[in-house]
Amino acid sequence: MKETTEQIKERHDMEIKESSERRTSEIEEMRERHGREIEELREKCNHKKVSDWMESQWAPGHGGPRVKVCNNCGLVMDTEKWNLNVEVGVE
């Protein structure tokens, strides 16, 4: 029996959905695995090498307080007090 155009479309849509679900599942597993690995690294790290003060961003293009981070594991070790009442460019 020959497939109708509608049956072919339904099969194609189902294959795309299954593929997307599989990719989503794989990326979620990868994020969880890497998250656990980073936590383990940070727990074992002695944080001996710390960066100088550097700018941080809470979102791209949105500056935050300056921070110092561990050069080995990336943990934020110190955060500069941030005065939210200061206007940018005004002295």
Foldseek 3Di string as FASTA:
>chain_A
DDDDPVRVVVVVVVVVVVVVVVVVVVVVVVVVVVVVVLVVCVVPDPLPAKADWDWDAPDVPHTDFTFIARPRRGHTDDTDDDDPPDDPPDD
